[in-house]
Amino acid sequence: MAKIIEKLKGFRDFYPDDCAVRNYLFEHWRGVASRYGFVEYEGPILEPTALYEKKSGDEISGQLFCFEDKGGRQVSMRPELTPTLARMAAARQRDYKKPMKWFGIGRFFRYEKNQKGRLREFYQFNCDLLGDESAAADAELVALAIDLMRDLGFGPEDFMVRLSDRRIWDDFIAQEGISADDAPTFLTIIDKMEREKPEVSDDHLAKIGTSRAAVSAFIESTADNPLRLASVINDLEARGLGDYVSIDPGIVRGLAYYTGTVFEIFDKRKSMRAIAGGGRYDGLVKLISDGKVELPSTGFAIGDVVITDFINETRSAKQRLIEHLASCGSCDAYVVLASEGRRADALGLIQKLRTAGIRTDFPLGPVKVDKQFKAAEAAKARAAIVIGDNFPQVTVKDLASRESVDLSDSQALEAIQQILSKPPQGPLIA
């Protein structure tokens, strides 16, 4: 017997229920970004490997799904969107007014160890603001990230934004005599310090001429002095979002290309797990364009895997998702044929409903009436239209309230629209 071919580790099958959850995220991502005046863009899934090596160097090379194509070119499945954005912006930034407020939703691939919240294939929302170097641009991105979380049903008791500035560490690097070559390594150590054992961090820091004690003392002394972050904090407080933000100099983001304000969204309920993050990267477009284009930029990203886990672990967010899914059946109305002889009449009404934008389903062959109602329930239809021998009279039934009314077929459309105008009745979490 032939062996069944299974999917690859770290990759996912999206059955209809899974797609419904994924599309729920996409709708919220698009909705919040649009409210902030961002427009959607997209790039190719396959890029020259050199694009990622130029942006991240050795940091990313081990995570690439890379190969030589039939033309002998070294190419990679995209692990992130920012290099593509920088390439696209450098090519046509003159065609767009500044600032350029762009967002993208796409599929990405990273060859890394599978673990909770991290897979080899994932979807990600990227939101970037290019052409503005002000603190107001940084605050706009942080505010958007906060509103995105709130839109999904999270509150200040569920998450917080930890805010920092990479330039804060310039003074420490100079004070400790850390060389320019070791500076990226130092920042990577700081980024991981909260997650690593103290002795491991001590060992790494000692090799570049400093210590964990010195780093901790610097973080403590700087946390009470917002320095360059004051403008961002004031902006967010003016929006009424101050309760969601705290200053934490220990947030540096591991990638070397960040140049200023950085932030991460943390789960307050589960060991301060990072949910999303981003920051300012003023030199990346210049790097990608070999110095031809200089475009200050700031942005952030959030992946679908970790945010879906967070939703399922948080009562308010999960309730909102459940209510949404309860209203998202495969059809709005189900036509029940109580008399098979009226199939032609039913098809005419079905087409009328569909033309009006009502998602309508029906049995493709003879089926008992009780099974048709079960099919309507399985499809999460909000209404049923029963067609029998007395057509053109039909029965329109609200499947939530179980109320029904006998009408002419010409009145059915309006009756269905009234049922659909009512708020859907979703289940509650016990």
Protein backbone atom coordinates (compact mmCIF):
# COMPACT_ATOMS: atom_id res chain seq x y z
CA MET A 1 0.00 0.00 0.00
CA ALA A 2 1.41 3.40 -0.98
CA LYS A 3 2.40 5.71 1.85
CA ILE A 4 0.26 8.81 2.28
CA ILE A 5 2.22 11.97 1.52
CA GLU A 6 2.10 14.32 4.50
CA LYS A 7 2.71 18.05 4.63
CA LEU A 8 6.15 19.37 5.53
CA LYS A 9 6.97 20.25 9.14
CA GLY A 10 6.41 23.88 9.95
CA PHE A 11 3.88 24.35 7.15
CA ARG A 12 0.10 24.46 7.50
CA ASP A 13 -3.07 23.28 5.83
CA PHE A 14 -5.79 25.92 5.98
CA TYR A 15 -9.15 24.18 6.12
CA PRO A 16 -12.24 26.43 5.83
CA ASP A 17 -12.38 27.06 9.61
CA ASP A 18 -8.69 27.99 9.62
CA CYS A 19 -9.17 30.31 6.65
CA ALA A 20 -12.01 32.03 8.50
CA VAL A 21 -9.68 32.84 11.42
CA ARG A 22 -6.91 33.96 9.07
CA ASN A 23 -9.29 36.21 7.13
CA TYR A 24 -10.57 37.65 10.41
CA LEU A 25 -7.03 38.83 11.13
CA PHE A 26 -6.61 40.18 7.61
CA GLU A 27 -9.84 42.18 7.88
CA HIS A 28 -8.70 43.81 11.12
CA TRP A 29 -5.19 44.47 9.81
CA ARG A 30 -6.56 46.12 6.68
CA GLY A 31 -9.26 47.99 8.56
CA VAL A 32 -6.97 49.63 11.13
CA ALA A 33 -4.27 50.47 8.58
CA SER A 34 -6.86 52.09 6.32
CA ARG A 35 -8.21 54.18 9.18
CA TYR A 36 -4.72 55.59 9.60
CA GLY A 37 -4.42 56.47 5.91
CA PHE A 38 -2.12 53.60 4.91
CA VAL A 39 -2.44 51.99 1.48
CA GLU A 40 -1.75 48.37 0.57
CA TYR A 41 1.14 47.13 -1.57
CA GLU A 42 2.66 43.74 -2.34
CA GLY A 43 5.94 42.34 -3.62
CA PRO A 44 7.14 39.01 -5.02
CA ILE A 45 7.50 35.91 -2.87
CA LEU A 46 10.82 35.13 -4.60
CA GLU A 47 13.71 37.62 -4.46
CA PRO A 48 17.46 37.54 -5.21
CA THR A 49 19.25 36.08 -2.20
CA ALA A 50 21.65 39.04 -2.34
CA LEU A 51 18.81 41.38 -1.30
CA TYR A 52 18.51 39.69 2.09
CA GLU A 53 22.25 39.29 2.57
CA LYS A 54 22.72 42.99 1.87
CA LYS A 55 20.13 43.96 4.45
CA SER A 56 20.90 41.50 7.24
CA GLY A 57 24.23 39.86 6.43
CA ASP A 58 24.89 36.65 8.30
CA GLU A 59 21.91 37.27 10.63
CA ILE A 60 19.45 35.91 8.07
CA SER A 61 21.47 33.58 5.83
CA GLY A 62 20.88 30.47 7.95
CA GLN A 63 17.10 31.01 7.90
CA LEU A 64 16.63 31.31 4.13
CA PHE A 65 14.85 28.84 1.89
CA CYS A 66 17.30 29.48 -0.94
CA PHE A 67 18.17 27.70 -4.17
CA GLU A 68 19.58 28.21 -7.65
CA ASP A 69 16.86 28.71 -10.26
CA LYS A 70 16.92 27.40 -13.83
CA GLY A 71 18.68 30.56 -14.95
CA GLY A 72 21.56 29.98 -12.53
CA ARG A 73 20.46 32.78 -10.20
CA GLN A 74 20.63 32.51 -6.40
CA VAL A 75 17.09 33.19 -5.15
CA SER A 76 15.23 32.90 -1.83
CA MET A 77 11.67 32.62 -0.62
CA ARG A 78 11.05 35.84 1.24
CA PRO A 79 11.62 35.65 5.02
CA GLU A 80 10.39 39.23 5.55
CA LEU A 81 9.00 42.17 3.58
CA THR A 82 11.17 45.14 4.60
CA PRO A 83 13.99 44.48 2.07
CA THR A 84 11.41 44.27 -0.72
CA LEU A 85 9.82 47.50 0.50
CA ALA A 86 13.21 49.24 0.51
CA ARG A 87 13.94 48.01 -3.02
CA MET A 88 10.53 49.14 -4.31
CA ALA A 89 10.71 52.50 -2.54
CA ALA A 90 14.19 53.20 -3.92
CA ALA A 91 13.00 52.44 -7.44
CA ARG A 92 9.93 54.69 -7.51
CA GLN A 93 9.87 56.94 -4.44
CA ARG A 94 9.76 60.02 -6.68
CA ASP A 95 6.31 58.94 -7.89
CA TYR A 96 4.76 59.19 -4.41
CA LYS A 97 4.11 62.06 -2.04
CA LYS A 98 5.84 61.89 1.32
CA PRO A 99 5.32 60.45 3.75
CA MET A 100 4.59 57.14 2.04
CA LYS A 101 2.25 55.21 4.34
CA TRP A 102 2.22 51.61 3.09
CA PHE A 103 1.12 48.28 4.52
CA GLY A 104 1.36 44.73 3.24
CA ILE A 105 -0.07 41.33 4.16
CA GLY A 106 1.70 38.30 2.80
CA ARG A 107 3.13 34.82 3.27
CA PHE A 108 6.73 34.39 4.44
CA PHE A 109 9.18 31.53 4.91
CA ARG A 110 12.01 30.95 7.38
CA TYR A 111 14.01 27.79 7.81
CA GLU A 112 14.20 27.59 11.60
CA LYS A 113 13.24 25.31 14.47
CA ASN A 114 9.50 24.84 14.88
CA GLN A 115 8.18 26.00 18.24
CA LYS A 116 5.06 27.55 19.74
CA GLY A 117 4.33 30.82 18.00
CA ARG A 118 6.98 30.24 15.33
CA LEU A 119 6.65 28.15 12.16
CA ARG A 120 8.57 27.91 8.90
CA GLU A 121 5.64 29.37 6.97
CA PHE A 122 3.59 32.26 8.30
CA TYR A 123 1.53 35.31 7.35
CA GLN A 124 2.60 38.74 8.46
CA PHE A 125 1.22 42.26 8.55
CA ASN A 126 3.85 44.91 7.77
CA CYS A 127 3.15 48.60 8.22
CA ASP A 128 5.74 51.25 7.28
CA LEU A 129 5.96 55.02 7.06
CA LEU A 130 8.68 56.32 4.72
CA GLY A 131 9.96 59.83 4.08
CA ASP A 132 9.51 61.35 7.54
CA GLU A 133 12.22 61.40 10.22
CA SER A 134 10.14 63.01 12.98
CA ALA A 135 9.12 61.57 16.32
CA ALA A 136 5.53 62.10 15.17
CA ALA A 137 6.03 59.38 12.55
CA ASP A 138 7.29 56.98 15.22
CA ALA A 139 4.30 57.80 17.42
CA GLU A 140 1.91 57.24 14.51
CA LEU A 141 3.24 53.69 14.06
CA VAL A 142 3.06 52.91 17.78
CA ALA A 143 -0.50 54.29 17.96
CA LEU A 144 -1.51 52.15 14.98
CA ALA A 145 -0.03 49.06 16.65
CA ILE A 146 -1.96 49.80 19.86
CA ASP A 147 -5.22 50.32 17.97
CA LEU A 148 -4.66 47.08 16.10
CA MET A 149 -4.49 45.20 19.40
CA ARG A 150 -7.55 47.00 20.76
CA ASP A 151 -9.47 46.28 17.58
CA LEU A 152 -8.87 42.56 18.15
CA GLY A 153 -10.35 42.79 21.64
CA PHE A 154 -7.27 43.28 23.84
CA GLY A 155 -7.15 45.84 26.65
CA PRO A 156 -4.44 47.50 28.80
CA GLU A 157 -4.61 44.53 31.17
CA ASP A 158 -3.60 42.20 28.31
CA PHE A 159 -0.68 43.92 26.58
CA MET A 160 1.77 46.77 26.75
CA VAL A 161 4.21 48.51 24.41
CA ARG A 162 7.79 48.69 25.67
CA LEU A 163 9.51 51.63 24.00
CA SER A 164 13.19 52.45 23.61
CA ASP A 165 15.70 54.18 21.33
CA ARG A 166 18.76 52.48 19.90
CA ARG A 167 20.71 55.74 20.15
CA ILE A 168 20.46 55.57 23.95
CA TRP A 169 23.10 52.85 23.78
CA ASP A 170 25.60 54.95 21.82
CA ASP A 171 26.70 56.60 25.08
CA PHE A 172 27.12 53.24 26.80
CA ILE A 173 29.11 51.80 23.90
CA ALA A 174 31.45 54.80 24.00
CA GLN A 175 31.68 54.74 27.81
CA GLU A 176 32.61 51.04 27.89
CA GLY A 177 34.99 51.29 24.96
CA ILE A 178 33.13 48.74 22.87
CA SER A 179 34.51 48.72 19.33
CA ALA A 180 32.41 49.54 16.27
CA ASP A 181 32.87 45.96 15.06
CA ASP A 182 31.49 44.59 18.34
CA ALA A 183 28.57 47.04 18.57
CA PRO A 184 26.10 44.87 16.56
CA THR A 185 27.05 41.83 18.66
CA PHE A 186 26.55 43.86 21.82
CA LEU A 187 23.05 44.94 20.78
CA THR A 188 22.12 41.36 19.93
CA ILE A 189 23.22 40.29 23.41
CA ILE A 190 21.10 43.03 25.00
CA ASP A 191 18.13 41.95 22.90
CA LYS A 192 18.39 38.38 24.22
CA MET A 193 19.43 39.22 27.78
CA GLU A 194 15.95 39.01 29.29
CA ARG A 195 15.47 35.51 27.85
CA GLU A 196 18.91 34.08 28.63
CA LYS A 197 20.40 32.87 31.88
CA PRO A 198 22.45 35.61 33.65
CA GLU A 199 25.68 33.63 33.43
CA VAL A 200 25.28 33.21 29.67
CA SER A 201 24.81 36.96 29.18
CA ASP A 202 27.77 37.67 31.49
CA ASP A 203 29.98 35.40 29.44
CA HIS A 204 28.99 37.00 26.13
CA LEU A 205 29.38 40.55 27.45
CA ALA A 206 32.76 39.82 29.03
CA LYS A 207 34.10 38.84 25.63
CA ILE A 208 33.46 42.35 24.28
CA GLY A 209 34.71 44.22 27.35
CA THR A 210 31.69 44.90 29.55
CA SER A 211 29.40 43.16 32.05
CA ARG A 212 25.79 42.39 32.79
CA ALA A 213 26.02 44.49 35.97
CA ALA A 214 27.10 47.54 33.96
CA VAL A 215 24.31 47.01 31.44
CA SER A 216 21.68 46.60 34.17
CA ALA A 217 22.86 49.75 35.95
CA PHE A 218 22.65 51.70 32.68
CA ILE A 219 19.12 50.45 31.96
CA GLU A 220 17.99 51.43 35.44
CA SER A 221 19.49 54.93 35.22
CA THR A 222 18.08 55.56 31.73
CA ALA A 223 14.55 54.26 32.33
CA ASP A 224 13.69 57.30 34.45
CA ASN A 225 14.91 59.71 31.78
CA PRO A 226 12.93 59.48 28.51
CA LEU A 227 15.52 61.56 26.59
CA ARG A 228 14.74 61.22 22.89
CA LEU A 229 11.50 59.39 23.64
CA ALA A 230 9.75 62.34 25.31
CA SER A 231 8.13 63.53 22.07
CA VAL A 232 6.79 60.07 21.28
CA ILE A 233 5.41 59.63 24.81
CA ASN A 234 3.77 63.08 24.77
CA ASP A 235 2.18 62.33 21.40
CA LEU A 236 0.71 59.04 22.61
CA GLU A 237 -0.55 60.58 25.84
CA ALA A 238 -2.33 63.30 23.83
CA ARG A 239 -4.15 60.50 21.97
CA GLY A 240 -5.19 58.89 25.28
CA LEU A 241 -2.88 55.93 24.71
CA GLY A 242 -0.33 56.62 27.44
CA ASP A 243 -1.53 53.71 29.61
CA TYR A 244 -0.38 51.24 26.98
CA VAL A 245 3.25 52.40 26.85
CA SER A 246 6.29 52.16 29.12
CA ILE A 247 9.93 53.05 28.53
CA ASP A 248 12.36 50.15 28.64
CA PRO A 249 15.92 50.78 27.41
CA GLY A 250 16.46 47.02 27.31
CA ILE A 251 14.37 46.84 24.15
CA VAL A 252 16.85 47.19 21.30
CA ARG A 253 15.53 44.80 18.62
CA GLY A 254 18.23 42.40 17.47
CA LEU A 255 18.58 43.41 13.84
CA ALA A 256 21.47 45.77 13.13
CA TYR A 257 19.61 48.06 10.72
CA TYR A 258 17.50 49.80 13.39
CA THR A 259 18.71 53.37 13.97
CA GLY A 260 16.37 55.09 16.46
CA THR A 261 13.08 54.50 18.22
CA VAL A 262 12.25 50.81 18.66
CA PHE A 263 9.32 49.11 20.35
CA GLU A 264 7.81 45.71 21.08
CA ILE A 265 4.30 44.69 22.08
CA PHE A 266 4.32 42.30 25.02
CA ASP A 267 1.75 39.92 26.44
CA LYS A 268 1.26 40.98 30.08
CA ARG A 269 -0.53 37.76 30.95
CA LYS A 270 2.14 35.25 29.97
CA SER A 271 5.73 36.00 30.96
CA MET A 272 5.94 39.15 28.84
CA ARG A 273 6.03 37.23 25.56
CA ALA A 274 6.75 39.45 22.54
CA ILE A 275 3.76 39.71 20.19
CA ALA A 276 5.04 42.23 17.64
CA GLY A 277 7.75 44.81 17.16
CA GLY A 278 9.43 47.37 14.97
CA GLY A 279 11.22 50.68 14.89
CA ARG A 280 13.11 53.27 12.89
CA TYR A 281 15.51 52.19 10.13
CA ASP A 282 16.67 55.38 8.43
CA GLY A 283 19.61 53.87 6.54
CA LEU A 284 18.07 50.81 4.91
CA VAL A 285 16.79 52.35 1.66
CA LYS A 286 20.16 54.02 1.21
CA LEU A 287 21.90 50.68 1.76
CA ILE A 288 19.66 48.77 -0.65
CA SER A 289 20.03 51.48 -3.33
CA ASP A 290 23.84 51.66 -2.97
CA GLY A 291 23.60 55.23 -1.68
CA LYS A 292 21.43 56.54 -4.52
CA VAL A 293 18.28 57.14 -2.45
CA GLU A 294 18.03 58.32 1.15
CA LEU A 295 14.63 57.84 2.75
CA PRO A 296 14.08 57.88 6.53
CA SER A 297 11.71 55.07 7.50
CA THR A 298 9.93 53.50 10.43
CA GLY A 299 7.68 50.44 10.63
CA PHE A 300 6.56 47.35 12.48
CA ALA A 301 5.31 43.82 11.80
CA ILE A 302 3.06 41.27 13.47
CA GLY A 303 2.73 37.60 12.51
CA ASP A 304 -0.43 35.51 12.38
CA VAL A 305 0.85 32.57 14.44
CA VAL A 306 1.66 34.32 17.71
CA ILE A 307 -1.31 36.72 17.58
CA THR A 308 -3.72 33.82 16.95
CA ASP A 309 -2.31 32.02 20.00
CA PHE A 310 -2.71 35.21 22.04
CA ILE A 311 -6.33 35.62 20.93
CA ASN A 312 -7.17 32.05 21.96
CA GLU A 313 -5.58 32.62 25.38
CA THR A 314 -7.38 35.92 26.10
CA ARG A 315 -11.08 35.82 26.98
CA SER A 316 -12.15 39.19 25.55
CA ALA A 317 -10.31 38.69 22.26
CA LYS A 318 -11.49 35.09 21.91
CA GLN A 319 -15.10 36.13 22.53
CA ARG A 320 -14.85 38.70 19.75
CA LEU A 321 -13.43 36.07 17.38
CA ILE A 322 -16.16 33.56 18.28
CA GLU A 323 -18.88 36.13 17.66
CA HIS A 324 -17.33 36.93 14.29
CA LEU A 325 -17.08 33.30 13.26
CA ALA A 326 -20.69 32.69 14.32
CA SER A 327 -21.75 35.32 11.79
CA CYS A 328 -19.55 33.97 9.02
CA GLY A 329 -21.28 30.91 7.66
CA SER A 330 -20.91 29.79 4.07
CA CYS A 331 -24.27 31.37 3.22
CA ASP A 332 -26.77 33.95 4.46
CA ALA A 333 -29.91 32.23 3.24
CA TYR A 334 -30.76 28.61 2.43
CA VAL A 335 -33.56 27.73 0.02
CA VAL A 336 -35.45 24.64 1.16
CA LEU A 337 -37.26 22.76 -1.61
CA ALA A 338 -40.32 21.20 0.02
CA SER A 339 -41.56 20.28 -3.46
CA GLU A 340 -39.01 19.01 -5.99
CA GLY A 341 -41.43 19.96 -8.76
CA ARG A 342 -40.80 23.65 -7.95
CA ARG A 343 -37.03 23.46 -8.57
CA ALA A 344 -37.18 25.72 -11.63
CA ASP A 345 -39.09 28.37 -9.65
CA ALA A 346 -36.57 28.03 -6.82
CA LEU A 347 -33.64 28.56 -9.18
CA GLY A 348 -35.17 31.82 -10.37
CA LEU A 349 -35.53 33.08 -6.79
CA ILE A 350 -32.02 31.88 -5.86
CA GLN A 351 -30.53 33.83 -8.74
CA LYS A 352 -32.48 36.94 -7.70
CA LEU A 353 -31.13 36.68 -4.15
CA ARG A 354 -27.55 36.16 -5.30
CA THR A 355 -27.77 39.10 -7.70
CA ALA A 356 -28.83 41.22 -4.71
CA GLY A 357 -25.62 40.21 -2.91
CA ILE A 358 -27.16 37.62 -0.56
CA ARG A 359 -25.05 34.47 -0.21
CA THR A 360 -27.56 31.75 -1.01
CA ASP A 361 -27.30 27.97 -1.07
CA PHE A 362 -29.70 25.13 -1.86
CA PRO A 363 -29.76 21.33 -2.36
CA LEU A 364 -28.42 20.25 -5.74
CA GLY A 365 -30.64 17.18 -5.79
CA PRO A 366 -33.72 15.74 -4.05
CA VAL A 367 -33.21 15.83 -0.26
CA LYS A 368 -35.65 15.36 2.63
CA VAL A 369 -36.82 18.65 4.16
CA ASP A 370 -35.40 17.92 7.62
CA LYS A 371 -31.97 17.24 6.12
CA GLN A 372 -32.18 20.51 4.20
CA PHE A 373 -32.74 22.40 7.45
CA LYS A 374 -29.77 20.59 8.96
CA ALA A 375 -27.70 21.67 5.97
CA ALA A 376 -28.82 25.27 6.55
CA GLU A 377 -27.76 25.02 10.19
CA ALA A 378 -24.38 23.53 9.25
CA ALA A 379 -23.84 26.41 6.79
CA LYS A 380 -24.69 28.89 9.60
CA ALA A 381 -27.40 30.43 7.44
CA ARG A 382 -29.36 33.24 9.07
CA ALA A 383 -32.56 32.58 7.13
CA ALA A 384 -34.38 29.86 5.22
CA ILE A 385 -36.87 30.18 2.37
CA VAL A 386 -39.22 27.22 2.03
CA ILE A 387 -40.67 26.68 -1.45
CA GLY A 388 -43.58 24.27 -1.78
CA ASP A 389 -46.49 23.45 -4.08
CA ASN A 390 -48.28 26.72 -3.32
CA PHE A 391 -45.53 28.82 -5.00
CA PRO A 392 -45.37 31.84 -5.61
CA GLN A 393 -46.13 31.90 -1.89
CA VAL A 394 -43.03 31.05 0.18
CA THR A 395 -42.22 30.78 3.87
CA VAL A 396 -39.32 32.91 5.15
CA LYS A 397 -37.90 31.68 8.45
CA ASP A 398 -35.49 33.45 10.81
CA LEU A 399 -33.29 30.56 11.90
CA ALA A 400 -32.14 32.34 15.08
CA SER A 401 -35.54 33.35 16.48
CA ARG A 402 -37.41 30.47 14.74
CA GLU A 403 -40.05 32.99 13.65
CA SER A 404 -41.52 32.53 10.19
CA VAL A 405 -43.80 34.43 7.84
CA ASP A 406 -45.65 33.51 4.63
CA LEU A 407 -45.03 35.92 1.76
CA SER A 408 -45.06 36.13 -2.00
CA ASP A 409 -41.75 35.32 -3.68
CA SER A 410 -41.40 38.99 -4.69
CA GLN A 411 -41.42 39.97 -0.98
CA ALA A 412 -38.84 37.37 0.05
CA LEU A 413 -35.80 39.50 -0.74
CA GLU A 414 -36.89 42.33 1.57
CA ALA A 415 -37.73 39.87 4.35
CA ILE A 416 -34.31 38.23 4.08
CA GLN A 417 -32.58 41.63 4.15
CA GLN A 418 -34.45 42.52 7.35
CA ILE A 419 -33.30 39.29 9.02
CA LEU A 420 -29.70 39.93 7.97
CA SER A 421 -29.84 43.49 9.33
CA LYS A 422 -30.19 42.14 12.87
CA PRO A 423 -27.00 41.57 14.91
CA PRO A 424 -25.94 37.91 14.72
CA GLN A 425 -26.34 35.86 17.89
CA GLY A 426 -22.95 34.42 18.67
CA PRO A 427 -22.19 31.89 21.43
CA LEU A 428 -20.68 33.05 24.72
CA ILE A 429 -17.55 31.69 26.39
CA ALA A 430 -18.46 29.81 29.55
